[in-house]
């Protein structure tokens, strides 16, 4: 049996997390966290295949959380998700994110980007 790939969604916006989860459910097992600190903890607990990381969040932002996750696993796949691209997107890439998706997200682009990154592993 093939394991369902796990995606960790880290976003402080409850509604967006629900939308992303609805987009991904069925094809991916979805784990959620509402800030960067919870995202790092959820990463450690689940070791997901892909992390979708919002950039601007309280407690710990996505840039710092990405750096922390990559300290845990340098091969982790983190995709930045931001409404503040390209400035914040550039900072996410500098922190080690594999890619950045601008908000608002289009479902097909979102899923294809995840598939493509996972295939390249």
N, C-alpha and C. Protein backbone atom coordinates (compact mmCIF):
# COMPACT_ATOMS: atom_id res chain seq x y z
N UNK A 1 0.83 -1.18 0.00
CA UNK A 1 0.00 0.00 0.00
C UNK A 1 0.88 1.25 0.00
N UNK A 2 0.53 2.21 -0.82
CA UNK A 2 1.28 3.46 -0.91
C UNK A 2 0.75 4.43 0.12
N UNK A 3 1.67 5.06 0.86
CA UNK A 3 1.26 6.05 1.85
C UNK A 3 0.76 7.31 1.14
N UNK A 4 -0.27 7.90 1.70
CA UNK A 4 -0.77 9.17 1.19
C UNK A 4 0.22 10.25 1.60
N UNK A 5 0.68 11.08 0.66
CA UNK A 5 1.62 12.15 1.02
C UNK A 5 0.99 13.11 2.03
N UNK A 6 1.81 13.57 2.97
CA UNK A 6 1.35 14.50 4.01
C UNK A 6 1.75 15.92 3.64
N UNK A 7 0.80 16.83 3.80
CA UNK A 7 1.06 18.25 3.60
C UNK A 7 0.72 18.98 4.89
N UNK A 8 1.66 19.75 5.39
CA UNK A 8 1.44 20.60 6.55
C UNK A 8 1.13 22.00 6.07
N UNK A 9 -0.05 22.51 6.46
CA UNK A 9 -0.45 23.87 6.13
C UNK A 9 -0.22 24.73 7.35
N UNK A 10 0.61 25.76 7.21
CA UNK A 10 0.87 26.68 8.33
C UNK A 10 0.39 28.06 7.90
N UNK A 11 -0.71 28.50 8.51
CA UNK A 11 -1.29 29.81 8.18
C UNK A 11 -2.13 30.27 9.36
N UNK A 12 -2.02 31.54 9.71
CA UNK A 12 -2.77 32.07 10.84
C UNK A 12 -4.23 32.37 10.51
N UNK A 13 -4.59 32.30 9.25
CA UNK A 13 -5.96 32.57 8.82
C UNK A 13 -6.75 31.26 8.79
N UNK A 14 -7.69 31.11 9.74
CA UNK A 14 -8.48 29.88 9.84
C UNK A 14 -9.23 29.56 8.56
N UNK A 15 -9.80 30.58 7.93
CA UNK A 15 -10.58 30.36 6.71
C UNK A 15 -9.68 29.87 5.58
N UNK A 16 -8.51 30.49 5.42
CA UNK A 16 -7.59 30.03 4.36
C UNK A 16 -7.13 28.60 4.62
N UNK A 17 -6.83 28.27 5.88
CA UNK A 17 -6.43 26.88 6.18
C UNK A 17 -7.54 25.92 5.77
N UNK A 18 -8.79 26.26 6.04
CA UNK A 18 -9.91 25.39 5.65
C UNK A 18 -10.02 25.27 4.13
N UNK A 19 -9.82 26.39 3.43
CA UNK A 19 -9.87 26.37 1.96
C UNK A 19 -8.75 25.49 1.41
N UNK A 20 -7.53 25.68 1.91
CA UNK A 20 -6.39 24.87 1.44
C UNK A 20 -6.64 23.39 1.73
N UNK A 21 -7.15 23.11 2.93
CA UNK A 21 -7.42 21.72 3.30
C UNK A 21 -8.44 21.11 2.34
N UNK A 22 -9.50 21.86 2.03
CA UNK A 22 -10.50 21.37 1.08
C UNK A 22 -9.88 21.12 -0.29
N UNK A 23 -8.96 21.99 -0.72
CA UNK A 23 -8.30 21.83 -2.01
C UNK A 23 -7.46 20.55 -2.05
N UNK A 24 -6.83 20.22 -0.93
CA UNK A 24 -5.85 19.15 -0.90
C UNK A 24 -6.38 17.80 -0.43
N UNK A 25 -7.46 17.83 0.34
CA UNK A 25 -8.00 16.58 0.88
C UNK A 25 -8.38 15.64 -0.24
N UNK A 26 -8.18 14.37 0.00
CA UNK A 26 -8.45 13.37 -1.02
C UNK A 26 -7.17 12.93 -1.71
N UNK A 27 -6.32 13.91 -2.00
CA UNK A 27 -5.04 13.59 -2.64
C UNK A 27 -3.89 13.58 -1.62
N UNK A 28 -4.07 14.33 -0.55
CA UNK A 28 -3.03 14.45 0.47
C UNK A 28 -3.63 14.33 1.86
N UNK A 29 -2.86 13.82 2.80
CA UNK A 29 -3.23 13.90 4.21
C UNK A 29 -2.82 15.30 4.67
N UNK A 30 -3.74 16.04 5.26
CA UNK A 30 -3.48 17.44 5.62
C UNK A 30 -3.34 17.59 7.13
N UNK A 31 -2.28 18.27 7.52
CA UNK A 31 -2.02 18.63 8.91
C UNK A 31 -2.03 20.15 8.96
N UNK A 32 -2.54 20.73 10.04
CA UNK A 32 -2.65 22.18 10.12
C UNK A 32 -1.93 22.74 11.33
N UNK A 33 -1.44 23.99 11.17
CA UNK A 33 -0.86 24.75 12.28
C UNK A 33 -1.19 26.21 12.04
N UNK A 34 -1.40 26.97 13.13
CA UNK A 34 -1.86 28.35 12.98
C UNK A 34 -0.79 29.41 13.15
N UNK A 35 0.45 29.01 13.36
CA UNK A 35 1.57 29.96 13.39
C UNK A 35 2.86 29.18 13.19
N UNK A 36 3.96 29.91 13.03
CA UNK A 36 5.23 29.25 12.75
C UNK A 36 5.70 28.33 13.85
N UNK A 37 5.49 28.73 15.11
CA UNK A 37 5.91 27.88 16.24
C UNK A 37 5.15 26.56 16.21
N UNK A 38 3.83 26.63 16.04
CA UNK A 38 3.04 25.39 15.92
C UNK A 38 3.45 24.60 14.68
N UNK A 39 3.81 25.31 13.62
CA UNK A 39 4.25 24.65 12.40
C UNK A 39 5.50 23.82 12.61
N UNK A 40 6.47 24.37 13.33
CA UNK A 40 7.70 23.63 13.63
C UNK A 40 7.37 22.41 14.48
N UNK A 41 6.51 22.60 15.49
CA UNK A 41 6.10 21.48 16.35
C UNK A 41 5.37 20.40 15.54
N UNK A 42 4.48 20.83 14.65
CA UNK A 42 3.74 19.87 13.81
C UNK A 42 4.69 19.16 12.85
N UNK A 43 5.70 19.87 12.37
CA UNK A 43 6.69 19.23 11.50
C UNK A 43 7.39 18.11 12.25
N UNK A 44 7.85 18.42 13.47
CA UNK A 44 8.55 17.41 14.28
C UNK A 44 7.66 16.21 14.59
N UNK A 45 6.39 16.44 14.80
CA UNK A 45 5.47 15.36 15.16
C UNK A 45 5.07 14.50 13.97
N UNK A 46 5.09 15.06 12.76
CA UNK A 46 4.54 14.36 11.60
C UNK A 46 5.49 14.14 10.43
N UNK A 47 6.57 14.89 10.36
CA UNK A 47 7.50 14.85 9.23
C UNK A 47 6.76 14.76 7.89
N UNK A 48 5.99 15.82 7.55
CA UNK A 48 5.23 15.82 6.31
C UNK A 48 6.14 15.86 5.08
N UNK A 49 5.55 15.50 3.95
CA UNK A 49 6.29 15.52 2.68
C UNK A 49 6.49 16.95 2.17
N UNK A 50 5.51 17.81 2.42
CA UNK A 50 5.55 19.20 1.96
C UNK A 50 4.97 20.09 3.05
N UNK A 51 5.56 21.28 3.20
CA UNK A 51 5.03 22.29 4.11
C UNK A 51 4.62 23.51 3.29
N UNK A 52 3.36 23.93 3.43
CA UNK A 52 2.88 25.16 2.81
C UNK A 52 2.90 26.22 3.91
N UNK A 53 3.79 27.18 3.78
CA UNK A 53 4.09 28.11 4.85
C UNK A 53 3.71 29.54 4.50
N UNK A 54 2.73 30.07 5.25
CA UNK A 54 2.42 31.50 5.15
C UNK A 54 3.65 32.25 5.64
N UNK A 55 3.82 33.48 5.19
CA UNK A 55 5.00 34.25 5.58
C UNK A 55 4.71 35.10 6.81
N UNK A 56 3.66 35.90 6.74
CA UNK A 56 3.36 36.85 7.82
C UNK A 56 2.38 36.21 8.80
N UNK A 57 2.89 35.88 10.01
CA UNK A 57 2.08 35.26 11.06
C UNK A 57 2.56 35.76 12.42
N UNK A 58 1.69 35.70 13.43
CA UNK A 58 2.12 36.06 14.78
C UNK A 58 2.95 34.94 15.41
N UNK A 59 3.57 35.23 16.51
CA UNK A 59 4.39 34.33 17.33
C UNK A 59 5.70 33.98 16.64
N UNK A 60 5.65 33.33 15.50
CA UNK A 60 6.85 33.06 14.69
C UNK A 60 6.43 33.16 13.24
N UNK A 61 7.11 34.01 12.47
CA UNK A 61 6.73 34.16 11.05
C UNK A 61 7.23 32.98 10.23
N UNK A 62 6.79 32.93 8.98
CA UNK A 62 7.14 31.82 8.11
C UNK A 62 8.61 31.74 7.75
N UNK A 63 9.27 32.87 7.74
CA UNK A 63 10.70 32.88 7.41
C UNK A 63 11.49 32.17 8.52
N UNK A 64 11.22 32.55 9.77
CA UNK A 64 11.90 31.93 10.91
C UNK A 64 11.52 30.45 11.02
N UNK A 65 10.23 30.14 10.83
CA UNK A 65 9.78 28.75 10.92
C UNK A 65 10.44 27.89 9.83
N UNK A 66 10.58 28.45 8.64
CA UNK A 66 11.24 27.72 7.56
C UNK A 66 12.69 27.40 7.94
N UNK A 67 13.39 28.38 8.49
CA UNK A 67 14.77 28.15 8.92
C UNK A 67 14.84 27.05 9.99
N UNK A 68 13.89 27.08 10.93
CA UNK A 68 13.88 26.08 12.00
C UNK A 68 13.61 24.68 11.44
N UNK A 69 12.65 24.58 10.54
CA UNK A 69 12.34 23.27 9.93
C UNK A 69 13.54 22.74 9.16
N UNK A 70 14.23 23.62 8.45
CA UNK A 70 15.40 23.18 7.67
C UNK A 70 16.59 22.81 8.57
N UNK A 71 16.63 23.32 9.79
CA UNK A 71 17.63 22.86 10.76
C UNK A 71 17.32 21.43 11.17
N UNK A 72 16.04 21.12 11.31
CA UNK A 72 15.60 19.77 11.68
C UNK A 72 15.87 18.80 10.53
N UNK A 73 15.49 19.23 9.32
CA UNK A 73 15.65 18.39 8.14
C UNK A 73 16.04 19.26 6.95
N UNK A 74 17.33 19.29 6.60
CA UNK A 74 17.78 20.13 5.49
C UNK A 74 17.12 19.79 4.15
N UNK A 75 16.52 18.60 4.04
CA UNK A 75 15.86 18.19 2.80
C UNK A 75 14.36 18.50 2.79
N UNK A 76 13.86 19.13 3.85
CA UNK A 76 12.43 19.43 3.93
C UNK A 76 12.01 20.30 2.75
N UNK A 77 10.80 20.05 2.27
CA UNK A 77 10.24 20.85 1.17
C UNK A 77 9.27 21.85 1.77
N UNK A 78 9.65 23.11 1.74
CA UNK A 78 8.80 24.19 2.21
C UNK A 78 8.45 25.07 1.01
N UNK A 79 7.16 25.33 0.85
CA UNK A 79 6.68 26.24 -0.19
C UNK A 79 6.07 27.44 0.52
N UNK A 80 6.60 28.61 0.24
CA UNK A 80 6.06 29.83 0.83
C UNK A 80 4.75 30.21 0.15
N UNK A 81 3.82 30.73 0.94
CA UNK A 81 2.54 31.20 0.42
C UNK A 81 2.35 32.61 0.97
N UNK A 82 2.26 33.61 0.08
CA UNK A 82 2.20 34.97 0.57
C UNK A 82 1.42 35.90 -0.34
N UNK A 83 0.77 36.86 0.29
CA UNK A 83 0.10 37.94 -0.44
C UNK A 83 1.07 39.09 -0.69
N UNK A 84 2.27 38.98 -0.11
CA UNK A 84 3.25 40.06 -0.17
C UNK A 84 4.40 39.76 -1.12
N UNK A 85 4.16 38.90 -2.10
CA UNK A 85 5.19 38.60 -3.08
C UNK A 85 5.40 39.86 -3.93
N UNK A 86 6.55 40.16 -4.46
CA UNK A 86 7.75 39.32 -4.42
C UNK A 86 8.66 39.59 -3.22
N UNK A 87 8.46 40.70 -2.47
CA UNK A 87 9.41 41.03 -1.40
C UNK A 87 9.52 39.89 -0.38
N UNK A 88 8.38 39.47 0.18
CA UNK A 88 8.39 38.40 1.19
C UNK A 88 8.76 37.06 0.55
N UNK A 89 8.36 36.88 -0.70
CA UNK A 89 8.71 35.66 -1.40
C UNK A 89 10.20 35.49 -1.53
N UNK A 90 10.89 36.58 -1.83
CA UNK A 90 12.35 36.54 -1.93
C UNK A 90 12.96 36.15 -0.59
N UNK A 91 12.43 36.69 0.50
CA UNK A 91 12.94 36.35 1.83
C UNK A 91 12.69 34.87 2.16
N UNK A 92 11.55 34.34 1.71
CA UNK A 92 11.28 32.91 1.92
C UNK A 92 12.27 32.05 1.15
N UNK A 93 12.56 32.42 -0.08
CA UNK A 93 13.53 31.66 -0.87
C UNK A 93 14.91 31.73 -0.24
N UNK A 94 15.28 32.91 0.26
CA UNK A 94 16.57 33.06 0.95
C UNK A 94 16.63 32.20 2.21
N UNK A 95 15.48 32.00 2.86
CA UNK A 95 15.41 31.18 4.08
C UNK A 95 15.47 29.69 3.75
N UNK A 96 15.29 29.33 2.47
CA UNK A 96 15.41 27.93 2.06
C UNK A 96 14.16 27.32 1.46
N UNK A 97 13.08 28.11 1.30
CA UNK A 97 11.88 27.57 0.65
C UNK A 97 12.22 27.16 -0.78
N UNK A 98 11.57 26.09 -1.24
CA UNK A 98 11.82 25.60 -2.60
C UNK A 98 11.10 26.43 -3.64
N UNK A 99 10.00 27.08 -3.23
CA UNK A 99 9.21 27.88 -4.17
C UNK A 99 8.30 28.79 -3.36
N UNK A 100 7.67 29.72 -4.05
CA UNK A 100 6.71 30.63 -3.42
C UNK A 100 5.48 30.73 -4.32
N UNK A 101 4.32 30.63 -3.71
CA UNK A 101 3.06 30.77 -4.43
C UNK A 101 2.39 32.05 -3.92
N UNK A 102 2.03 32.97 -4.84
CA UNK A 102 1.34 34.18 -4.39
C UNK A 102 -0.13 33.90 -4.08
N UNK A 103 -0.63 34.60 -3.06
CA UNK A 103 -2.08 34.57 -2.78
C UNK A 103 -2.74 35.60 -3.67
N UNK A 104 -3.96 35.43 -4.13
CA UNK A 104 -4.80 34.25 -3.90
C UNK A 104 -4.33 33.07 -4.74
N UNK A 105 -4.51 31.90 -4.20
CA UNK A 105 -4.02 30.67 -4.81
C UNK A 105 -5.07 30.10 -5.77
N UNK A 106 -4.60 29.62 -6.90
CA UNK A 106 -5.45 28.90 -7.84
C UNK A 106 -5.23 27.41 -7.59
N UNK A 107 -6.31 26.67 -7.38
CA UNK A 107 -6.23 25.26 -6.97
C UNK A 107 -5.33 24.43 -7.88
N UNK A 108 -5.52 24.52 -9.19
CA UNK A 108 -4.76 23.68 -10.12
C UNK A 108 -3.27 23.98 -10.03
N UNK A 109 -2.93 25.27 -9.97
CA UNK A 109 -1.52 25.67 -9.88
C UNK A 109 -0.91 25.17 -8.57
N UNK A 110 -1.67 25.30 -7.51
CA UNK A 110 -1.27 24.91 -6.17
C UNK A 110 -0.93 23.42 -6.13
N UNK A 111 -1.85 22.59 -6.58
CA UNK A 111 -1.64 21.14 -6.54
C UNK A 111 -0.54 20.71 -7.50
N UNK A 112 -0.49 21.29 -8.69
CA UNK A 112 0.55 20.92 -9.64
C UNK A 112 1.94 21.27 -9.11
N UNK A 113 2.06 22.40 -8.44
CA UNK A 113 3.35 22.80 -7.87
C UNK A 113 3.79 21.81 -6.79
N UNK A 114 2.86 21.38 -5.96
CA UNK A 114 3.19 20.38 -4.93
C UNK A 114 3.61 19.07 -5.58
N UNK A 115 2.85 18.61 -6.57
CA UNK A 115 3.20 17.36 -7.27
C UNK A 115 4.58 17.44 -7.90
N UNK A 116 4.84 18.56 -8.58
CA UNK A 116 6.11 18.72 -9.28
C UNK A 116 7.29 18.69 -8.30
N UNK A 117 7.14 19.39 -7.21
CA UNK A 117 8.23 19.41 -6.21
C UNK A 117 8.42 18.03 -5.60
N UNK A 118 7.33 17.34 -5.32
CA UNK A 118 7.45 16.00 -4.74
C UNK A 118 8.07 15.02 -5.73
N UNK A 119 7.75 15.16 -7.03
CA UNK A 119 8.34 14.27 -8.05
C UNK A 119 9.85 14.49 -8.17
N UNK A 120 10.28 15.73 -7.92
CA UNK A 120 11.70 16.05 -8.09
C UNK A 120 12.57 15.55 -6.93
N UNK A 121 11.95 15.00 -5.91
CA UNK A 121 12.69 14.50 -4.75
C UNK A 121 13.46 13.24 -5.06
